[in-house]
Amino acid sequence: MTQQPDIRRTSIIRVAVLAAAVALIAAGLANGEAQIVLEKGIRICLECIGIG
């Protein structure tokens, strides 16, 4: 017989992972990482079309 996963435990894990993701996104935004990622994306795009 297969056992169904404990729904409460699964919910707690999901909430914990979501909270960790939100915290890490907030930390990245606070450090200015969004601007760095945007600059790198622009640089890669310009290199692909032969301008950069």
N, C-alpha and C. Protein backbone atom coordinates (compact mmCIF):
# COMPACT_ATOMS: atom_id res chain seq x y z
N MET A 1 0.82 -1.17 0.00
CA MET A 1 0.00 0.00 0.00
C MET A 1 0.88 1.26 0.00
N THR A 2 0.50 2.25 -0.78
CA THR A 2 1.24 3.50 -0.77
C THR A 2 0.61 4.46 0.22
N GLN A 3 1.46 5.18 0.92
CA GLN A 3 0.97 6.14 1.91
C GLN A 3 0.89 7.52 1.27
N GLN A 4 -0.16 8.23 1.58
CA GLN A 4 -0.28 9.60 1.10
C GLN A 4 0.60 10.49 1.97
N PRO A 5 1.25 11.48 1.34
CA PRO A 5 2.11 12.35 2.14
C PRO A 5 1.28 13.15 3.13
N ASP A 6 1.86 13.45 4.24
CA ASP A 6 1.17 14.22 5.26
C ASP A 6 0.96 15.64 4.73
N ILE A 7 -0.29 16.02 4.55
CA ILE A 7 -0.62 17.31 3.94
C ILE A 7 -0.12 18.46 4.81
N ARG A 8 -0.23 18.34 6.10
CA ARG A 8 0.23 19.41 7.00
C ARG A 8 1.74 19.60 6.88
N ARG A 9 2.48 18.52 6.86
CA ARG A 9 3.94 18.61 6.74
C ARG A 9 4.33 19.22 5.40
N THR A 10 3.66 18.82 4.34
CA THR A 10 3.92 19.37 3.02
C THR A 10 3.63 20.86 2.99
N SER A 11 2.55 21.28 3.62
CA SER A 11 2.20 22.69 3.66
C SER A 11 3.25 23.50 4.41
N ILE A 12 3.72 22.95 5.51
CA ILE A 12 4.75 23.65 6.29
C ILE A 12 6.03 23.81 5.48
N ILE A 13 6.41 22.77 4.77
CA ILE A 13 7.62 22.83 3.95
C ILE A 13 7.45 23.86 2.84
N ARG A 14 6.29 23.88 2.20
CA ARG A 14 6.03 24.85 1.14
C ARG A 14 6.12 26.28 1.65
N VAL A 15 5.52 26.52 2.80
CA VAL A 15 5.54 27.87 3.38
C VAL A 15 6.97 28.26 3.75
N ALA A 16 7.74 27.32 4.29
CA ALA A 16 9.13 27.60 4.66
C ALA A 16 9.97 27.93 3.43
N VAL A 17 9.80 27.18 2.37
CA VAL A 17 10.55 27.44 1.14
C VAL A 17 10.14 28.78 0.54
N LEU A 18 8.85 29.08 0.55
CA LEU A 18 8.38 30.36 0.04
C LEU A 18 8.95 31.52 0.86
N ALA A 19 8.96 31.37 2.18
CA ALA A 19 9.50 32.42 3.05
C ALA A 19 10.99 32.62 2.80
N ALA A 20 11.72 31.53 2.60
CA ALA A 20 13.15 31.64 2.32
C ALA A 20 13.38 32.33 0.98
N ALA A 21 12.58 32.00 -0.02
CA ALA A 21 12.72 32.62 -1.34
C ALA A 21 12.45 34.11 -1.27
N VAL A 22 11.40 34.50 -0.56
CA VAL A 22 11.07 35.93 -0.42
C VAL A 22 12.19 36.66 0.31
N ALA A 23 12.73 36.04 1.36
CA ALA A 23 13.82 36.67 2.12
C ALA A 23 15.06 36.85 1.25
N LEU A 24 15.39 35.84 0.45
CA LEU A 24 16.58 35.94 -0.40
C LEU A 24 16.39 36.95 -1.53
N ILE A 25 15.19 37.03 -2.08
CA ILE A 25 14.90 38.03 -3.10
C ILE A 25 15.03 39.43 -2.51
N ALA A 26 14.49 39.62 -1.31
CA ALA A 26 14.59 40.92 -0.64
C ALA A 26 16.04 41.28 -0.35
N ALA A 27 16.84 40.31 0.07
CA ALA A 27 18.25 40.57 0.34
C ALA A 27 18.98 40.95 -0.94
N GLY A 28 18.68 40.29 -2.04
CA GLY A 28 19.31 40.62 -3.31
C GLY A 28 18.93 42.02 -3.78
N LEU A 29 17.67 42.38 -3.63
CA LEU A 29 17.23 43.72 -4.02
C LEU A 29 17.89 44.78 -3.14
N ALA A 30 18.05 44.50 -1.86
CA ALA A 30 18.68 45.44 -0.95
C ALA A 30 20.16 45.66 -1.29
N ASN A 31 20.79 44.65 -1.86
CA ASN A 31 22.21 44.75 -2.24
C ASN A 31 22.41 45.32 -3.63
N GLY A 32 21.35 45.62 -4.34
CA GLY A 32 21.47 46.18 -5.68
C GLY A 32 21.74 45.16 -6.77
N GLU A 33 21.43 43.92 -6.49
CA GLU A 33 21.70 42.86 -7.47
C GLU A 33 20.83 42.97 -8.72
N ALA A 34 19.65 43.55 -8.59
CA ALA A 34 18.77 43.68 -9.75
C ALA A 34 19.43 44.52 -10.84
N GLN A 35 20.08 45.60 -10.44
CA GLN A 35 20.77 46.47 -11.40
C GLN A 35 21.93 45.73 -12.07
N ILE A 36 22.66 44.95 -11.29
CA ILE A 36 23.80 44.19 -11.85
C ILE A 36 23.31 43.18 -12.87
N VAL A 37 22.23 42.48 -12.55
CA VAL A 37 21.68 41.48 -13.48
C VAL A 37 21.20 42.16 -14.76
N LEU A 38 20.55 43.31 -14.64
CA LEU A 38 20.08 44.04 -15.80
C LEU A 38 21.26 44.47 -16.67
N GLU A 39 22.32 44.99 -16.07
CA GLU A 39 23.49 45.42 -16.83
C GLU A 39 24.14 44.25 -17.56
N LYS A 40 24.24 43.11 -16.91
CA LYS A 40 24.83 41.93 -17.55
C LYS A 40 23.95 41.44 -18.69
N GLY A 41 22.63 41.49 -18.52
CA GLY A 41 21.72 41.08 -19.58
C GLY A 41 21.85 41.98 -20.79
N ILE A 42 21.95 43.28 -20.56
CA ILE A 42 22.11 44.22 -21.67
C ILE A 42 23.43 43.96 -22.39
N ARG A 43 24.49 43.74 -21.64
CA ARG A 43 25.81 43.48 -22.24
C ARG A 43 25.78 42.22 -23.10
N ILE A 44 25.18 41.15 -22.60
CA ILE A 44 25.09 39.90 -23.35
C ILE A 44 24.27 40.11 -24.62
N CYS A 45 23.16 40.82 -24.52
CA CYS A 45 22.30 41.06 -25.67
C CYS A 45 23.04 41.85 -26.74
N LEU A 46 23.77 42.87 -26.32
CA LEU A 46 24.50 43.68 -27.30
C LEU A 46 25.63 42.87 -27.95
N GLU A 47 26.25 41.97 -27.20
CA GLU A 47 27.29 41.12 -27.77
C GLU A 47 26.71 40.16 -28.80
N CYS A 48 25.49 39.68 -28.54
CA CYS A 48 24.87 38.74 -29.47
C CYS A 48 24.58 39.37 -30.83
N ILE A 49 24.22 40.66 -30.85
CA ILE A 49 23.92 41.30 -32.11
C ILE A 49 25.14 42.00 -32.70
N GLY A 50 26.28 41.91 -32.01
CA GLY A 50 27.52 42.40 -32.57
C GLY A 50 27.83 43.86 -32.31
N ILE A 51 27.14 44.49 -31.38
CA ILE A 51 27.41 45.90 -31.08
C ILE A 51 28.39 46.04 -29.92
N GLY A 52 28.25 45.21 -28.93
CA GLY A 52 29.05 45.35 -27.71
C GLY A 52 30.27 44.53 -27.78
